Amino acid sequence: MQLFYNPTIDENTTEISFSKEESKHIVKVLRKNGGDQLQITNGKGWLFVAEITVADMKKCLATILSKSFEPPRDYKIHLAVAPTKMNDRYEWFLEKATEIGIDTITPIICDHSERKVIKIDRFEKILQSAMKQSLHNYLPELHEAIPFNEFITTDFIGQKFIAHCEETDRKSLKTSLEPKRDVLILIGPEGDFSTKEISSAIASGFKPVMLGNTRLRTETAAIVACHSVVFSNE
């Protein structure tokens, strides 16, 4: 099944006009014709079934036949993850976290961060593609990059954790999670968080946790954290 994404439609929409790029994909690549049906999401929980009325490669049109709403989960996952040195590793994290079911992502710039320039537009496309591929009806929210010290002072209602590798008093994330509660987890860069950052986070209400007995790459740690939250809520 092919899922399309259109953020502008809502429950009151009756007809959809696809972009030139999507129109070409629908008509030329997928070989869809008038009368064929498509499934479309707006990334906000709504799933629409539409019938093609004009199969034109420059401007494909479709009429909404039915709609359904997927209620949001009773918990949300927010990961604040430092950018990786190799950009493709961060993109891999975005893709896999979307498949698993993340809600919000914030790139954080840390003391040991080697990459500090973030291409948000590129990341947005990765999220959209992963959402469609995994047949999700919710598009994760991606925030602009923010300095670590600024981020940890922002308001957040729910459980707050910082995953780090220092040999200090830490508990396992899987035993610290409380089901059905929003979760925010900080994941550091290659080289981990600095000692000062860890202390600042703890002072701001973040609980120190470990993700296992081995040292994980940034993107791997983020995926493990995301899956741990989903698994603990099943």
C-alpha atoms as a PDB file:
ATOM      1  CA  MET A   1       0.000   0.000   0.000  1.00  0.00           C
ATOM      2  CA  GLN A   2       1.256   3.465  -0.953  1.00  0.00           C
ATOM      3  CA  LEU A   3       0.674   6.248   1.585  1.00  0.00           C
ATOM      4  CA  PHE A   4       0.827   9.895   0.515  1.00  0.00           C
ATOM      5  CA  TYR A   5       1.399  12.946   2.714  1.00  0.00           C
ATOM      6  CA  ASN A   6      -0.374  16.277   2.430  1.00  0.00           C
ATOM      7  CA  PRO A   7      -0.167  18.591   5.475  1.00  0.00           C
ATOM      8  CA  THR A   8      -2.755  21.040   4.164  1.00  0.00           C
ATOM      9  CA  ILE A   9      -5.803  18.779   4.162  1.00  0.00           C
ATOM     10  CA  ASP A  10      -8.145  18.237   7.108  1.00  0.00           C
ATOM     11  CA  GLU A  11     -11.465  16.572   7.934  1.00  0.00           C
ATOM     12  CA  ASN A  12     -13.340  19.219   5.925  1.00  0.00           C
ATOM     13  CA  THR A  13     -11.382  18.723   2.691  1.00  0.00           C
ATOM     14  CA  THR A  14     -13.373  17.262  -0.223  1.00  0.00           C
ATOM     15  CA  GLU A  15     -10.835  17.419  -3.080  1.00  0.00           C
ATOM     16  CA  ILE A  16      -7.055  17.121  -3.220  1.00  0.00           C
ATOM     17  CA  SER A  17      -4.660  18.599  -5.769  1.00  0.00           C
ATOM     18  CA  PHE A  18      -1.236  16.954  -5.852  1.00  0.00           C
ATOM     19  CA  SER A  19       2.025  18.753  -6.577  1.00  0.00           C
ATOM     20  CA  LYS A  20       3.695  18.317  -9.957  1.00  0.00           C
ATOM     21  CA  GLU A  21       6.283  15.970  -8.437  1.00  0.00           C
ATOM     22  CA  GLU A  22       3.667  13.774  -6.734  1.00  0.00           C
ATOM     23  CA  SER A  23       1.376  13.882  -9.758  1.00  0.00           C
ATOM     24  CA  LYS A  24       4.169  12.531 -11.939  1.00  0.00           C
ATOM     25  CA  HIS A  25       4.907   9.810  -9.375  1.00  0.00           C
ATOM     26  CA  ILE A  26       1.241   8.787  -9.173  1.00  0.00           C
ATOM     27  CA  VAL A  27       0.564   8.716 -12.911  1.00  0.00           C
ATOM     28  CA  LYS A  28       3.910   7.751 -14.476  1.00  0.00           C
ATOM     29  CA  VAL A  29       5.610   5.657 -11.794  1.00  0.00           C
ATOM     30  CA  LEU A  30       2.625   4.032 -10.058  1.00  0.00           C
ATOM     31  CA  ARG A  31       0.580   4.027 -13.280  1.00  0.00           C
ATOM     32  CA  LYS A  32      -2.589   5.149 -11.540  1.00  0.00           C
ATOM     33  CA  ASN A  33      -5.610   6.102 -13.604  1.00  0.00           C
ATOM     34  CA  GLY A  34      -8.928   7.836 -13.072  1.00  0.00           C
ATOM     35  CA  GLY A  35     -11.052   5.811 -10.659  1.00  0.00           C
ATOM     36  CA  ASP A  36      -8.061   4.359  -8.793  1.00  0.00           C
ATOM     37  CA  GLN A  37      -7.899   4.971  -5.061  1.00  0.00           C
ATOM     38  CA  LEU A  38      -5.109   6.455  -2.922  1.00  0.00           C
ATOM     39  CA  GLN A  39      -4.514   6.711   0.797  1.00  0.00           C
ATOM     40  CA  ILE A  40      -3.341  10.049   2.181  1.00  0.00           C
ATOM     41  CA  THR A  41      -2.431  11.294   5.643  1.00  0.00           C
ATOM     42  CA  ASN A  42      -1.980  14.842   6.894  1.00  0.00           C
ATOM     43  CA  GLY A  43       0.504  13.702   9.535  1.00  0.00           C
ATOM     44  CA  LYS A  44      -1.891  14.765  12.291  1.00  0.00           C
ATOM     45  CA  GLY A  45      -3.730  11.489  12.786  1.00  0.00           C
ATOM     46  CA  TRP A  46      -6.115  11.654   9.832  1.00  0.00           C
ATOM     47  CA  LEU A  47      -6.176   9.016   7.091  1.00  0.00           C
ATOM     48  CA  PHE A  48      -8.086   9.746   3.888  1.00  0.00           C
ATOM     49  CA  VAL A  49      -9.152   7.448   1.053  1.00  0.00           C
ATOM     50  CA  ALA A  50      -9.422   9.374  -2.208  1.00  0.00           C
ATOM     51  CA  GLU A  51     -10.392   8.504  -5.782  1.00  0.00           C
ATOM     52  CA  ILE A  52      -8.453   9.945  -8.701  1.00  0.00           C
ATOM     53  CA  THR A  53     -10.636  12.144 -10.896  1.00  0.00           C
ATOM     54  CA  VAL A  54      -7.925  13.672 -13.101  1.00  0.00           C
ATOM     55  CA  ALA A  55      -4.856  11.521 -13.816  1.00  0.00           C
ATOM     56  CA  ASP A  56      -2.573  14.231 -15.147  1.00  0.00           C
ATOM     57  CA  MET A  57       1.206  14.122 -14.658  1.00  0.00           C
ATOM     58  CA  LYS A  58       1.302  17.876 -14.059  1.00  0.00           C
ATOM     59  CA  LYS A  59      -1.725  18.168 -11.777  1.00  0.00           C
ATOM     60  CA  CYS A  60      -3.405  15.050 -10.454  1.00  0.00           C
ATOM     61  CA  LEU A  61      -6.761  15.571  -8.716  1.00  0.00           C
ATOM     62  CA  ALA A  62      -8.635  13.268  -6.342  1.00  0.00           C
ATOM     63  CA  THR A  63     -11.930  13.352  -4.454  1.00  0.00           C
ATOM     64  CA  ILE A  64     -12.150  12.284  -0.807  1.00  0.00           C
ATOM     65  CA  LEU A  65     -14.255   9.155  -0.381  1.00  0.00           C
ATOM     66  CA  SER A  66     -13.775   8.487   3.326  1.00  0.00           C
ATOM     67  CA  LYS A  67     -11.755   9.586   6.330  1.00  0.00           C
ATOM     68  CA  SER A  68     -10.771   8.161   9.704  1.00  0.00           C
ATOM     69  CA  PHE A  69      -8.920   9.506  12.721  1.00  0.00           C
ATOM     70  CA  GLU A  70      -6.302   7.610  14.710  1.00  0.00           C
ATOM     71  CA  PRO A  71      -6.337   8.842  18.332  1.00  0.00           C
ATOM     72  CA  PRO A  72      -2.890   9.757  19.684  1.00  0.00           C
ATOM     73  CA  ARG A  73      -1.186   7.471  22.197  1.00  0.00           C
ATOM     74  CA  ASP A  74      -1.539   8.204  25.887  1.00  0.00           C
ATOM     75  CA  TYR A  75       2.183   9.010  26.110  1.00  0.00           C
ATOM     76  CA  LYS A  76       4.684  10.929  23.974  1.00  0.00           C
ATOM     77  CA  ILE A  77       8.380  10.388  23.289  1.00  0.00           C
ATOM     78  CA  HIS A  78      10.694  13.374  22.966  1.00  0.00           C
ATOM     79  CA  LEU A  79      14.357  12.686  22.208  1.00  0.00           C
ATOM     80  CA  ALA A  80      16.921  15.482  22.351  1.00  0.00           C
ATOM     81  CA  VAL A  81      19.868  14.075  20.419  1.00  0.00           C
ATOM     82  CA  ALA A  82      23.213  15.675  19.647  1.00  0.00           C
ATOM     83  CA  PRO A  83      24.060  15.764  15.914  1.00  0.00           C
ATOM     84  CA  THR A  84      26.496  13.064  14.826  1.00  0.00           C
ATOM     85  CA  LYS A  85      29.767  13.834  13.056  1.00  0.00           C
ATOM     86  CA  MET A  86      28.579  11.888   9.997  1.00  0.00           C
ATOM     87  CA  ASN A  87      25.253  13.315   8.880  1.00  0.00           C
ATOM     88  CA  ASP A  88      23.991  10.024   7.445  1.00  0.00           C
ATOM     89  CA  ARG A  89      24.061   8.480  10.913  1.00  0.00           C
ATOM     90  CA  TYR A  90      21.656  11.116  12.222  1.00  0.00           C
ATOM     91  CA  GLU A  91      19.424  10.601   9.204  1.00  0.00           C
ATOM     92  CA  TRP A  92      19.399   6.871   9.961  1.00  0.00           C
ATOM     93  CA  PHE A  93      18.278   7.658  13.517  1.00  0.00           C
ATOM     94  CA  LEU A  94      15.483   9.917  12.226  1.00  0.00           C
ATOM     95  CA  GLU A  95      14.238   7.234   9.866  1.00  0.00           C
ATOM     96  CA  LYS A  96      14.274   4.374  12.370  1.00  0.00           C
ATOM     97  CA  ALA A  97      12.861   6.425  15.254  1.00  0.00           C
ATOM     98  CA  THR A  98       9.952   7.451  13.016  1.00  0.00           C
ATOM     99  CA  GLU A  99       9.292   3.810  12.183  1.00  0.00           C
ATOM    100  CA  ILE A 100       9.328   2.896  15.874  1.00  0.00           C
ATOM    101  CA  GLY A 101       7.052   5.768  16.857  1.00  0.00           C
ATOM    102  CA  ILE A 102       8.792   8.919  18.094  1.00  0.00           C
ATOM    103  CA  ASP A 103       6.799  12.133  18.592  1.00  0.00           C
ATOM    104  CA  THR A 104       9.334  14.950  18.927  1.00  0.00           C
ATOM    105  CA  ILE A 105      13.011  15.388  18.055  1.00  0.00           C
ATOM    106  CA  THR A 106      15.301  18.216  19.095  1.00  0.00           C
ATOM    107  CA  PRO A 107      18.947  18.397  17.959  1.00  0.00           C
ATOM    108  CA  ILE A 108      21.038  19.696  20.878  1.00  0.00           C
ATOM    109  CA  ILE A 109      24.467  21.317  20.531  1.00  0.00           C
ATOM    110  CA  CYS A 110      26.758  20.095  23.291  1.00  0.00           C
ATOM    111  CA  ASP A 111      30.277  20.793  24.564  1.00  0.00           C
ATOM    112  CA  HIS A 112      31.665  17.828  22.617  1.00  0.00           C
ATOM    113  CA  SER A 113      29.553  18.307  19.481  1.00  0.00           C
ATOM    114  CA  GLU A 114      31.619  18.214  16.279  1.00  0.00           C
ATOM    115  CA  ARG A 115      28.687  19.076  14.019  1.00  0.00           C
ATOM    116  CA  LYS A 116      26.799  22.258  14.796  1.00  0.00           C
ATOM    117  CA  VAL A 117      25.120  23.064  11.475  1.00  0.00           C
ATOM    118  CA  ILE A 118      21.800  21.279  10.960  1.00  0.00           C
ATOM    119  CA  LYS A 119      19.903  20.979   7.668  1.00  0.00           C
ATOM    120  CA  ILE A 120      16.341  20.969   8.969  1.00  0.00           C
ATOM    121  CA  ASP A 121      14.776  20.828   5.478  1.00  0.00           C
ATOM    122  CA  ARG A 122      16.699  17.666   4.653  1.00  0.00           C
ATOM    123  CA  PHE A 123      15.714  16.095   7.992  1.00  0.00           C
ATOM    124  CA  GLU A 124      12.047  16.950   7.417  1.00  0.00           C
ATOM    125  CA  LYS A 125      12.083  15.020   4.154  1.00  0.00           C
ATOM    126  CA  ILE A 126      13.612  12.017   5.911  1.00  0.00           C
ATOM    127  CA  LEU A 127      10.816  12.078   8.501  1.00  0.00           C
ATOM    128  CA  GLN A 128       8.093  12.384   5.860  1.00  0.00           C
ATOM    129  CA  SER A 129       9.495   9.516   3.839  1.00  0.00           C
ATOM    130  CA  ALA A 130       9.816   7.273   6.911  1.00  0.00           C
ATOM    131  CA  MET A 131       6.279   8.119   8.031  1.00  0.00           C
ATOM    132  CA  LYS A 132       4.855   7.137   4.656  1.00  0.00           C
ATOM    133  CA  GLN A 133       6.971   3.995   4.385  1.00  0.00           C
ATOM    134  CA  SER A 134       5.938   2.772   7.842  1.00  0.00           C
ATOM    135  CA  LEU A 135       2.265   3.720   7.281  1.00  0.00           C
ATOM    136  CA  HIS A 136       2.095   6.073  10.265  1.00  0.00           C
ATOM    137  CA  ASN A 137      -0.515   8.811  10.423  1.00  0.00           C
ATOM    138  CA  TYR A 138       1.510  11.089  12.693  1.00  0.00           C
ATOM    139  CA  LEU A 139       4.549  13.035  11.508  1.00  0.00           C
ATOM    140  CA  PRO A 140       7.168  13.572  14.222  1.00  0.00           C
ATOM    141  CA  GLU A 141       7.759  17.195  15.211  1.00  0.00           C
ATOM    142  CA  LEU A 142      11.287  18.366  14.465  1.00  0.00           C
ATOM    143  CA  HIS A 143      12.627  21.385  16.327  1.00  0.00           C
ATOM    144  CA  GLU A 144      15.462  23.684  15.384  1.00  0.00           C
ATOM    145  CA  ALA A 145      18.855  22.917  16.926  1.00  0.00           C
ATOM    146  CA  ILE A 146      19.371  24.469  20.347  1.00  0.00           C
ATOM    147  CA  PRO A 147      22.323  24.748  22.771  1.00  0.00           C
ATOM    148  CA  PHE A 148      22.258  22.097  25.503  1.00  0.00           C
ATOM    149  CA  ASN A 149      22.256  24.547  28.407  1.00  0.00           C
ATOM    150  CA  GLU A 150      19.334  26.434  26.926  1.00  0.00           C
ATOM    151  CA  PHE A 151      17.328  23.314  26.189  1.00  0.00           C
ATOM    152  CA  ILE A 152      17.470  21.786  29.669  1.00  0.00           C
ATOM    153  CA  THR A 153      15.832  24.886  31.148  1.00  0.00           C
ATOM    154  CA  THR A 154      12.726  24.612  28.934  1.00  0.00           C
ATOM    155  CA  ASP A 155       9.479  23.478  30.526  1.00  0.00           C
ATOM    156  CA  PHE A 156       8.538  19.820  30.183  1.00  0.00           C
ATOM    157  CA  ILE A 157       5.864  17.870  32.046  1.00  0.00           C
ATOM    158  CA  GLY A 158       6.764  14.218  32.325  1.00  0.00           C
ATOM    159  CA  GLN A 159       9.754  11.979  32.974  1.00  0.00           C
ATOM    160  CA  LYS A 160      13.161  13.467  32.174  1.00  0.00           C
ATOM    161  CA  PHE A 161      16.326  11.409  31.702  1.00  0.00           C
ATOM    162  CA  ILE A 162      19.904  11.962  30.611  1.00  0.00           C
ATOM    163  CA  ALA A 163      21.686   8.898  29.233  1.00  0.00           C
ATOM    164  CA  HIS A 164      25.442   9.083  29.675  1.00  0.00           C
ATOM    165  CA  CYS A 165      28.496   6.817  30.014  1.00  0.00           C
ATOM    166  CA  GLU A 166      30.250   8.156  33.105  1.00  0.00           C
ATOM    167  CA  GLU A 167      30.766   5.640  35.891  1.00  0.00           C
ATOM    168  CA  THR A 168      28.553   7.430  38.373  1.00  0.00           C
ATOM    169  CA  ASP A 169      25.271   6.606  40.066  1.00  0.00           C
ATOM    170  CA  ARG A 170      22.938   5.663  37.210  1.00  0.00           C
ATOM    171  CA  LYS A 171      19.898   3.451  36.942  1.00  0.00           C
ATOM    172  CA  SER A 172      18.754   1.402  33.992  1.00  0.00           C
ATOM    173  CA  LEU A 173      16.336   3.269  31.717  1.00  0.00           C
ATOM    174  CA  LYS A 174      14.068   0.245  31.372  1.00  0.00           C
ATOM    175  CA  THR A 175      13.594   0.008  35.146  1.00  0.00           C
ATOM    176  CA  SER A 176      13.143   3.770  35.531  1.00  0.00           C
ATOM    177  CA  LEU A 177      10.375   4.241  32.975  1.00  0.00           C
ATOM    178  CA  GLU A 178       6.810   4.704  34.154  1.00  0.00           C
ATOM    179  CA  PRO A 179       4.202   3.592  31.568  1.00  0.00           C
ATOM    180  CA  LYS A 180       1.645   6.010  30.134  1.00  0.00           C
ATOM    181  CA  ARG A 181       3.715   9.112  30.892  1.00  0.00           C
ATOM    182  CA  ASP A 182       5.428  11.531  28.519  1.00  0.00           C
ATOM    183  CA  VAL A 183       9.186  10.989  28.309  1.00  0.00           C
ATOM    184  CA  LEU A 184      12.112  13.258  27.445  1.00  0.00           C
ATOM    185  CA  ILE A 185      15.539  11.660  27.017  1.00  0.00           C
ATOM    186  CA  LEU A 186      18.849  13.420  26.348  1.00  0.00           C
ATOM    187  CA  ILE A 187      21.353  11.593  24.121  1.00  0.00           C
ATOM    188  CA  GLY A 188      24.864  13.020  23.825  1.00  0.00           C
ATOM    189  CA  PRO A 189      27.397  13.303  20.980  1.00  0.00           C
ATOM    190  CA  GLU A 190      30.441  11.181  20.208  1.00  0.00           C
ATOM    191  CA  GLY A 191      32.560  11.692  23.303  1.00  0.00           C
ATOM    192  CA  ASP A 192      29.453  11.820  25.510  1.00  0.00           C
ATOM    193  CA  PHE A 193      28.154  14.742  27.535  1.00  0.00           C
ATOM    194  CA  SER A 194      30.706  16.721  29.515  1.00  0.00           C
ATOM    195  CA  THR A 195      30.754  16.306  33.280  1.00  0.00           C
ATOM    196  CA  LYS A 196      29.477  19.865  33.610  1.00  0.00           C
ATOM    197  CA  GLU A 197      26.534  19.142  31.297  1.00  0.00           C
ATOM    198  CA  ILE A 198      25.584  16.030  33.250  1.00  0.00           C
ATOM    199  CA  SER A 199      25.620  17.975  36.518  1.00  0.00           C
ATOM    200  CA  SER A 200      23.562  20.791  34.980  1.00  0.00           C
ATOM    201  CA  ALA A 201      20.973  18.363  33.646  1.00  0.00           C
ATOM    202  CA  ILE A 202      20.635  16.611  36.999  1.00  0.00           C
ATOM    203  CA  ALA A 203      20.234  19.993  38.692  1.00  0.00           C
ATOM    204  CA  SER A 204      17.432  20.718  36.200  1.00  0.00           C
ATOM    205  CA  GLY A 205      15.533  17.577  37.164  1.00  0.00           C
ATOM    206  CA  PHE A 206      16.905  15.006  34.704  1.00  0.00           C
ATOM    207  CA  LYS A 207      17.583  11.532  36.106  1.00  0.00           C
ATOM    208  CA  PRO A 208      20.833   9.856  35.003  1.00  0.00           C
ATOM    209  CA  VAL A 209      20.316   6.523  33.255  1.00  0.00           C
ATOM    210  CA  MET A 210      22.231   3.860  31.356  1.00  0.00           C
ATOM    211  CA  LEU A 211      21.008   2.055  28.226  1.00  0.00           C
ATOM    212  CA  GLY A 212      22.865  -1.200  28.767  1.00  0.00           C
ATOM    213  CA  ASN A 213      26.283  -2.614  29.562  1.00  0.00           C
ATOM    214  CA  THR A 214      27.984  -1.619  26.313  1.00  0.00           C
ATOM    215  CA  ARG A 215      29.049   1.736  24.934  1.00  0.00           C
ATOM    216  CA  LEU A 216      26.693   2.765  22.128  1.00  0.00           C
ATOM    217  CA  ARG A 217      27.043   5.195  19.256  1.00  0.00           C
ATOM    218  CA  THR A 218      24.854   8.288  19.483  1.00  0.00           C
ATOM    219  CA  GLU A 219      22.353   7.101  16.876  1.00  0.00           C
ATOM    220  CA  THR A 220      22.220   3.584  18.340  1.00  0.00           C
ATOM    221  CA  ALA A 221      21.640   4.931  21.836  1.00  0.00           C
ATOM    222  CA  ALA A 222      18.786   7.078  20.549  1.00  0.00           C
ATOM    223  CA  ILE A 223      17.103   4.098  18.886  1.00  0.00           C
ATOM    224  CA  VAL A 224      17.539   1.931  21.984  1.00  0.00           C
ATOM    225  CA  ALA A 225      16.012   4.674  24.129  1.00  0.00           C
ATOM    226  CA  CYS A 226      13.077   5.163  21.764  1.00  0.00           C
ATOM    227  CA  HIS A 227      12.318   1.444  21.532  1.00  0.00           C
ATOM    228  CA  SER A 228      12.639   1.013  25.299  1.00  0.00           C
ATOM    229  CA  VAL A 229       9.874   3.562  25.870  1.00  0.00           C
ATOM    230  CA  VAL A 230       7.583   1.997  23.270  1.00  0.00           C
ATOM    231  CA  PHE A 231       8.253  -1.519  24.577  1.00  0.00           C
ATOM    232  CA  SER A 232       7.570  -0.499  28.191  1.00  0.00           C
ATOM    233  CA  ASN A 233       4.169   0.839  27.122  1.00  0.00           C
ATOM    234  CA  GLU A 234       3.025  -2.265  25.248  1.00  0.00           C
END
